[in-house]
Amino acid sequence: MTLRELLDLPAIVSVETAARAFGIGRNKAMDLIRSGDFPAKTLQLGGTMKVSTASLREVLGLPTVLP
Protein backbone atom coordinates (compact mmCIF):
# COMPACT_ATOMS: atom_id res chain seq x y z
CA MET A 1 0.00 0.00 0.00
CA THR A 2 1.40 3.39 -0.95
CA LEU A 3 1.63 6.39 1.35
CA ARG A 4 -1.02 8.18 -0.73
CA GLU A 5 -3.37 5.19 -0.37
CA LEU A 6 -2.84 5.20 3.39
CA LEU A 7 -3.53 8.92 3.65
CA ASP A 8 -6.69 8.61 1.52
CA LEU A 9 -8.32 5.90 3.65
CA PRO A 10 -11.74 6.59 5.20
CA ALA A 11 -12.12 6.86 9.01
CA ILE A 12 -12.82 3.15 9.44
CA VAL A 13 -11.48 0.36 7.22
CA SER A 14 -11.93 -3.37 6.83
CA VAL A 15 -9.61 -5.88 8.42
CA GLU A 16 -8.42 -6.76 4.91
CA THR A 17 -7.38 -3.17 4.22
CA ALA A 18 -5.62 -2.83 7.58
CA ALA A 19 -3.86 -6.15 7.04
CA ARG A 20 -2.66 -4.93 3.65
CA ALA A 21 -1.27 -1.77 5.26
CA PHE A 22 0.68 -3.93 7.72
CA GLY A 23 1.87 -6.28 4.98
CA ILE A 24 0.09 -9.33 6.41
CA GLY A 25 -2.79 -11.49 5.27
CA ARG A 26 -6.37 -11.36 6.49
CA ASN A 27 -6.08 -14.68 8.34
CA LYS A 28 -3.01 -13.50 10.26
CA ALA A 29 -4.79 -10.22 11.07
CA MET A 30 -7.83 -12.09 12.39
CA ASP A 31 -5.58 -14.34 14.51
CA LEU A 32 -3.95 -11.23 16.01
CA ILE A 33 -7.35 -9.63 16.66
CA ARG A 34 -8.65 -12.77 18.40
CA SER A 35 -5.54 -12.98 20.58
CA GLY A 36 -5.70 -9.26 21.43
CA ASP A 37 -2.34 -8.58 19.73
CA PHE A 38 -3.49 -6.61 16.69
CA PRO A 39 -1.56 -3.32 16.85
CA ALA A 40 -4.41 -1.00 15.79
CA LYS A 41 -7.75 -0.34 17.47
CA THR A 42 -10.52 -2.61 16.23
CA LEU A 43 -14.27 -2.04 16.36
CA GLN A 44 -16.99 -4.68 16.35
CA LEU A 45 -19.87 -3.31 14.27
CA GLY A 46 -22.63 -5.87 14.29
CA GLY A 47 -21.09 -9.02 12.88
CA THR A 48 -18.29 -7.14 11.15
CA MET A 49 -14.86 -6.24 12.49
CA LYS A 50 -13.45 -2.86 11.41
CA VAL A 51 -10.20 -1.00 12.13
CA SER A 52 -9.78 2.65 13.13
CA THR A 53 -7.75 4.45 10.46
CA ALA A 54 -6.42 6.99 12.98
CA SER A 55 -5.07 4.11 15.08
CA LEU A 56 -3.66 2.42 11.98
CA ARG A 57 -1.87 5.62 10.97
CA GLU A 58 -0.53 6.12 14.50
CA VAL A 59 0.96 2.62 14.59
CA LEU A 60 2.55 3.23 11.18
CA GLY A 61 4.00 6.56 12.34
CA LEU A 62 1.82 8.67 10.03
CA PRO A 63 -0.23 11.75 10.95
CA THR A 64 -3.57 10.73 12.49
CA VAL A 65 -5.22 13.96 11.35
CA LEU A 66 -4.64 15.43 7.94
CA PRO A 67 -4.52 19.20 7.35
C-alpha atoms as a PDB file:
ATOM      1  CA  MET A   1       0.000   0.000   0.000  1.00  0.00           C
ATOM      2  CA  THR A   2       1.402   3.390  -0.952  1.00  0.00           C
ATOM      3  CA  LEU A   3       1.630   6.388   1.353  1.00  0.00           C
ATOM      4  CA  ARG A   4      -1.017   8.179  -0.727  1.00  0.00           C
ATOM      5  CA  GLU A   5      -3.371   5.194  -0.373  1.00  0.00           C
ATOM      6  CA  LEU A   6      -2.842   5.203   3.387  1.00  0.00           C
ATOM      7  CA  LEU A   7      -3.528   8.918   3.646  1.00  0.00           C
ATOM      8  CA  ASP A   8      -6.686   8.610   1.520  1.00  0.00           C
ATOM      9  CA  LEU A   9      -8.323   5.900   3.645  1.00  0.00           C
ATOM     10  CA  PRO A  10     -11.745   6.592   5.199  1.00  0.00           C
ATOM     11  CA  ALA A  11     -12.116   6.859   9.007  1.00  0.00           C
ATOM     12  CA  ILE A  12     -12.821   3.147   9.438  1.00  0.00           C
ATOM     13  CA  VAL A  13     -11.482   0.361   7.224  1.00  0.00           C
ATOM     14  CA  SER A  14     -11.933  -3.367   6.826  1.00  0.00           C
ATOM     15  CA  VAL A  15      -9.611  -5.877   8.424  1.00  0.00           C
ATOM     16  CA  GLU A  16      -8.425  -6.764   4.913  1.00  0.00           C
ATOM     17  CA  THR A  17      -7.379  -3.173   4.221  1.00  0.00           C
ATOM     18  CA  ALA A  18      -5.621  -2.831   7.580  1.00  0.00           C
ATOM     19  CA  ALA A  19      -3.857  -6.149   7.041  1.00  0.00           C
ATOM     20  CA  ARG A  20      -2.657  -4.933   3.648  1.00  0.00           C
ATOM     21  CA  ALA A  21      -1.272  -1.765   5.261  1.00  0.00           C
ATOM     22  CA  PHE A  22       0.685  -3.929   7.723  1.00  0.00           C
ATOM     23  CA  GLY A  23       1.865  -6.283   4.984  1.00  0.00           C
ATOM     24  CA  ILE A  24       0.092  -9.329   6.411  1.00  0.00           C
ATOM     25  CA  GLY A  25      -2.788 -11.488   5.268  1.00  0.00           C
ATOM     26  CA  ARG A  26      -6.375 -11.361   6.494  1.00  0.00           C
ATOM     27  CA  ASN A  27      -6.082 -14.677   8.342  1.00  0.00           C
ATOM     28  CA  LYS A  28      -3.011 -13.499  10.264  1.00  0.00           C
ATOM     29  CA  ALA A  29      -4.785 -10.222  11.074  1.00  0.00           C
ATOM     30  CA  MET A  30      -7.833 -12.089  12.394  1.00  0.00           C
ATOM     31  CA  ASP A  31      -5.578 -14.342  14.511  1.00  0.00           C
ATOM     32  CA  LEU A  32      -3.949 -11.227  16.006  1.00  0.00           C
ATOM     33  CA  ILE A  33      -7.350  -9.630  16.662  1.00  0.00           C
ATOM     34  CA  ARG A  34      -8.649 -12.767  18.401  1.00  0.00           C
ATOM     35  CA  SER A  35      -5.538 -12.976  20.576  1.00  0.00           C
ATOM     36  CA  GLY A  36      -5.698  -9.257  21.426  1.00  0.00           C
ATOM     37  CA  ASP A  37      -2.340  -8.583  19.733  1.00  0.00           C
ATOM     38  CA  PHE A  38      -3.492  -6.609  16.685  1.00  0.00           C
ATOM     39  CA  PRO A  39      -1.557  -3.323  16.855  1.00  0.00           C
ATOM     40  CA  ALA A  40      -4.411  -1.005  15.785  1.00  0.00           C
ATOM     41  CA  LYS A  41      -7.753  -0.336  17.465  1.00  0.00           C
ATOM     42  CA  THR A  42     -10.523  -2.611  16.228  1.00  0.00           C
ATOM     43  CA  LEU A  43     -14.267  -2.036  16.357  1.00  0.00           C
ATOM     44  CA  GLN A  44     -16.991  -4.681  16.351  1.00  0.00           C
ATOM     45  CA  LEU A  45     -19.869  -3.306  14.273  1.00  0.00           C
ATOM     46  CA  GLY A  46     -22.628  -5.869  14.287  1.00  0.00           C
ATOM     47  CA  GLY A  47     -21.094  -9.023  12.880  1.00  0.00           C
ATOM     48  CA  THR A  48     -18.292  -7.142  11.151  1.00  0.00           C
ATOM     49  CA  MET A  49     -14.856  -6.237  12.485  1.00  0.00           C
ATOM     50  CA  LYS A  50     -13.451  -2.862  11.407  1.00  0.00           C
ATOM     51  CA  VAL A  51     -10.204  -0.995  12.132  1.00  0.00           C
ATOM     52  CA  SER A  52      -9.780   2.650  13.129  1.00  0.00           C
ATOM     53  CA  THR A  53      -7.754   4.446  10.458  1.00  0.00           C
ATOM     54  CA  ALA A  54      -6.421   6.988  12.983  1.00  0.00           C
ATOM     55  CA  SER A  55      -5.073   4.111  15.078  1.00  0.00           C
ATOM     56  CA  LEU A  56      -3.655   2.422  11.981  1.00  0.00           C
ATOM     57  CA  ARG A  57      -1.870   5.623  10.972  1.00  0.00           C
ATOM     58  CA  GLU A  58      -0.529   6.115  14.504  1.00  0.00           C
ATOM     59  CA  VAL A  59       0.964   2.622  14.588  1.00  0.00           C
ATOM     60  CA  LEU A  60       2.549   3.227  11.181  1.00  0.00           C
ATOM     61  CA  GLY A  61       3.999   6.558  12.336  1.00  0.00           C
ATOM     62  CA  LEU A  62       1.825   8.667  10.035  1.00  0.00           C
ATOM     63  CA  PRO A  63      -0.227  11.755  10.952  1.00  0.00           C
ATOM     64  CA  THR A  64      -3.568  10.735  12.492  1.00  0.00           C
ATOM     65  CA  VAL A  65      -5.215  13.955  11.351  1.00  0.00           C
ATOM     66  CA  LEU A  66      -4.637  15.433   7.936  1.00  0.00           C
ATOM     67  CA  PRO A  67      -4.515  19.201   7.354  1.00  0.00           C
END
